[in-house]
């Protein structure tokens, strides 16, 4: 099962994870990153790179995280690939650790 990016990434968009991905599976939206499930080889090297613990294995996703499986898959079809680290969003520190950010996610499509 591939890894997925979940809610803690919303409004933060740290990109430490993209540099270590051997398959260049990350895609970038306006306020969120996602992982292309078709290219993810389940290596998990991106997981410890995320400073907000937003990356989880899809098969281990909690009930609340399950909807991010579809969001990551849809984003992979529509958002551009990102392979280099970039600065996080301007107000990332204010959003770090904030729960219930799903309503802020600029979704693909």
C-alpha atoms as a PDB file:
ATOM      1  CA  UNK A   1       0.000   0.000   0.000  1.00  0.00           C
ATOM      2  CA  UNK A   2       1.336   3.453  -0.804  1.00  0.00           C
ATOM      3  CA  UNK A   3       1.949   6.219   1.651  1.00  0.00           C
ATOM      4  CA  UNK A   4      -0.373   9.220   1.779  1.00  0.00           C
ATOM      5  CA  UNK A   5      -0.162  12.811   2.939  1.00  0.00           C
ATOM      6  CA  UNK A   6      -2.798  13.725   5.517  1.00  0.00           C
ATOM      7  CA  UNK A   7      -4.333  16.743   7.264  1.00  0.00           C
ATOM      8  CA  UNK A   8      -1.282  18.078   9.164  1.00  0.00           C
ATOM      9  CA  UNK A   9       0.172  19.164   5.792  1.00  0.00           C
ATOM     10  CA  UNK A  10      -2.749  21.514   5.068  1.00  0.00           C
ATOM     11  CA  UNK A  11      -1.671  25.167   5.287  1.00  0.00           C
ATOM     12  CA  UNK A  12       1.933  24.160   6.099  1.00  0.00           C
ATOM     13  CA  UNK A  13       3.240  22.358   3.004  1.00  0.00           C
ATOM     14  CA  UNK A  14       6.690  21.480   4.257  1.00  0.00           C
ATOM     15  CA  UNK A  15       8.673  19.969   1.394  1.00  0.00           C
ATOM     16  CA  UNK A  16      11.495  18.192   3.228  1.00  0.00           C
ATOM     17  CA  UNK A  17       9.930  14.909   2.093  1.00  0.00           C
ATOM     18  CA  UNK A  18      10.161  15.508  -1.647  1.00  0.00           C
ATOM     19  CA  UNK A  19      13.956  15.529  -1.777  1.00  0.00           C
ATOM     20  CA  UNK A  20      14.311  12.021  -0.383  1.00  0.00           C
ATOM     21  CA  UNK A  21      11.656  10.317  -2.516  1.00  0.00           C
ATOM     22  CA  UNK A  22      13.499   7.941  -4.874  1.00  0.00           C
ATOM     23  CA  UNK A  23      10.489   7.771  -7.191  1.00  0.00           C
ATOM     24  CA  UNK A  24       9.592  11.497  -7.338  1.00  0.00           C
ATOM     25  CA  UNK A  25       6.037  10.678  -6.250  1.00  0.00           C
ATOM     26  CA  UNK A  26       5.075  13.980  -4.674  1.00  0.00           C
ATOM     27  CA  UNK A  27       2.704  16.448  -6.287  1.00  0.00           C
ATOM     28  CA  UNK A  28       2.029  20.003  -5.178  1.00  0.00           C
ATOM     29  CA  UNK A  29      -1.221  21.836  -4.710  1.00  0.00           C
ATOM     30  CA  UNK A  30      -1.860  25.360  -3.451  1.00  0.00           C
ATOM     31  CA  UNK A  31      -1.745  24.474   0.263  1.00  0.00           C
ATOM     32  CA  UNK A  32      -1.000  20.743   0.426  1.00  0.00           C
ATOM     33  CA  UNK A  33       1.293  18.045  -0.952  1.00  0.00           C
ATOM     34  CA  UNK A  34       0.129  14.604  -2.044  1.00  0.00           C
ATOM     35  CA  UNK A  35       1.751  11.309  -3.033  1.00  0.00           C
ATOM     36  CA  UNK A  36       1.060   9.580  -6.333  1.00  0.00           C
ATOM     37  CA  UNK A  37      -0.033   6.074  -5.309  1.00  0.00           C
ATOM     38  CA  UNK A  38       0.901   4.656  -8.711  1.00  0.00           C
ATOM     39  CA  UNK A  39       4.567   5.528  -8.256  1.00  0.00           C
ATOM     40  CA  UNK A  40       5.007   5.056  -4.510  1.00  0.00           C
ATOM     41  CA  UNK A  41       7.128   1.994  -3.721  1.00  0.00           C
ATOM     42  CA  UNK A  42       6.297   2.005   0.001  1.00  0.00           C
ATOM     43  CA  UNK A  43       9.877   2.680   1.013  1.00  0.00           C
ATOM     44  CA  UNK A  44       8.873   5.079   3.821  1.00  0.00           C
ATOM     45  CA  UNK A  45      11.983   7.286   3.540  1.00  0.00           C
ATOM     46  CA  UNK A  46       9.720  10.343   3.368  1.00  0.00           C
ATOM     47  CA  UNK A  47       7.967   9.636   6.670  1.00  0.00           C
ATOM     48  CA  UNK A  48      10.678  10.813   9.093  1.00  0.00           C
ATOM     49  CA  UNK A  49      11.337  13.885   6.947  1.00  0.00           C
ATOM     50  CA  UNK A  50       7.891  15.367   7.609  1.00  0.00           C
ATOM     51  CA  UNK A  51       8.114  17.770  10.559  1.00  0.00           C
ATOM     52  CA  UNK A  52       4.353  17.552  11.203  1.00  0.00           C
ATOM     53  CA  UNK A  53       3.913  13.757  10.865  1.00  0.00           C
ATOM     54  CA  UNK A  54       1.538  14.128   7.937  1.00  0.00           C
ATOM     55  CA  UNK A  55       2.730  11.056   6.001  1.00  0.00           C
ATOM     56  CA  UNK A  56       1.258   7.652   6.829  1.00  0.00           C
ATOM     57  CA  UNK A  57       0.950   4.268   5.183  1.00  0.00           C
ATOM     58  CA  UNK A  58      -2.492   4.074   3.576  1.00  0.00           C
ATOM     59  CA  UNK A  59      -3.158   0.658   5.109  1.00  0.00           C
ATOM     60  CA  UNK A  60      -2.459   2.109   8.562  1.00  0.00           C
ATOM     61  CA  UNK A  61      -4.540   5.262   8.062  1.00  0.00           C
ATOM     62  CA  UNK A  62      -6.995   5.987  10.840  1.00  0.00           C
ATOM     63  CA  UNK A  63     -10.675   6.288  10.062  1.00  0.00           C
ATOM     64  CA  UNK A  64     -10.316  10.077   9.917  1.00  0.00           C
ATOM     65  CA  UNK A  65      -7.367   9.764   7.513  1.00  0.00           C
ATOM     66  CA  UNK A  66      -9.096   7.359   5.106  1.00  0.00           C
ATOM     67  CA  UNK A  67     -10.493  10.156   2.922  1.00  0.00           C
ATOM     68  CA  UNK A  68      -6.937  11.265   2.186  1.00  0.00           C
ATOM     69  CA  UNK A  69      -6.360   8.061   0.209  1.00  0.00           C
ATOM     70  CA  UNK A  70      -8.732   9.353  -2.475  1.00  0.00           C
ATOM     71  CA  UNK A  71      -7.492  12.935  -2.170  1.00  0.00           C
ATOM     72  CA  UNK A  72      -3.884  11.842  -2.798  1.00  0.00           C
ATOM     73  CA  UNK A  73      -4.924   9.722  -5.790  1.00  0.00           C
ATOM     74  CA  UNK A  74      -6.990  12.524  -7.307  1.00  0.00           C
ATOM     75  CA  UNK A  75      -4.271  15.126  -6.706  1.00  0.00           C
ATOM     76  CA  UNK A  76      -1.712  12.885  -8.409  1.00  0.00           C
ATOM     77  CA  UNK A  77      -3.793  13.037 -11.569  1.00  0.00           C
ATOM     78  CA  UNK A  78      -4.135  16.826 -11.567  1.00  0.00           C
ATOM     79  CA  UNK A  79      -1.318  18.566  -9.699  1.00  0.00           C
ATOM     80  CA  UNK A  80       2.257  19.038 -10.935  1.00  0.00           C
ATOM     81  CA  UNK A  81       5.141  16.982  -9.646  1.00  0.00           C
ATOM     82  CA  UNK A  82       7.495  18.507  -7.093  1.00  0.00           C
ATOM     83  CA  UNK A  83      11.008  17.123  -6.675  1.00  0.00           C
ATOM     84  CA  UNK A  84      12.906  19.912  -4.912  1.00  0.00           C
ATOM     85  CA  UNK A  85      12.555  21.396  -1.494  1.00  0.00           C
ATOM     86  CA  UNK A  86      10.839  24.764  -1.331  1.00  0.00           C
ATOM     87  CA  UNK A  87      10.007  27.069   1.564  1.00  0.00           C
ATOM     88  CA  UNK A  88       6.833  26.160   3.471  1.00  0.00           C
ATOM     89  CA  UNK A  89       3.783  28.379   3.218  1.00  0.00           C
ATOM     90  CA  UNK A  90       4.247  31.860   4.736  1.00  0.00           C
ATOM     91  CA  UNK A  91       2.115  31.225   7.834  1.00  0.00           C
ATOM     92  CA  UNK A  92       3.162  27.596   8.357  1.00  0.00           C
ATOM     93  CA  UNK A  93       4.201  28.131  11.973  1.00  0.00           C
ATOM     94  CA  UNK A  94       0.738  29.420  12.909  1.00  0.00           C
ATOM     95  CA  UNK A  95      -0.887  26.330  11.359  1.00  0.00           C
ATOM     96  CA  UNK A  96       1.576  23.740  12.635  1.00  0.00           C
ATOM     97  CA  UNK A  97      -0.202  21.513  15.139  1.00  0.00           C
ATOM     98  CA  UNK A  98      -3.657  22.920  14.380  1.00  0.00           C
ATOM     99  CA  UNK A  99      -6.298  20.186  14.060  1.00  0.00           C
ATOM    100  CA  UNK A 100      -9.410  20.165  11.879  1.00  0.00           C
ATOM    101  CA  UNK A 101      -7.910  21.876   8.833  1.00  0.00           C
ATOM    102  CA  UNK A 102      -9.686  19.744   6.223  1.00  0.00           C
ATOM    103  CA  UNK A 103     -12.090  22.551   5.367  1.00  0.00           C
ATOM    104  CA  UNK A 104      -9.100  24.693   4.336  1.00  0.00           C
ATOM    105  CA  UNK A 105      -7.695  22.155   1.878  1.00  0.00           C
ATOM    106  CA  UNK A 106      -7.733  23.432  -1.675  1.00  0.00           C
ATOM    107  CA  UNK A 107      -8.712  20.144  -3.261  1.00  0.00           C
ATOM    108  CA  UNK A 108      -7.804  18.934  -6.719  1.00  0.00           C
ATOM    109  CA  UNK A 109     -10.428  19.218  -9.376  1.00  0.00           C
END
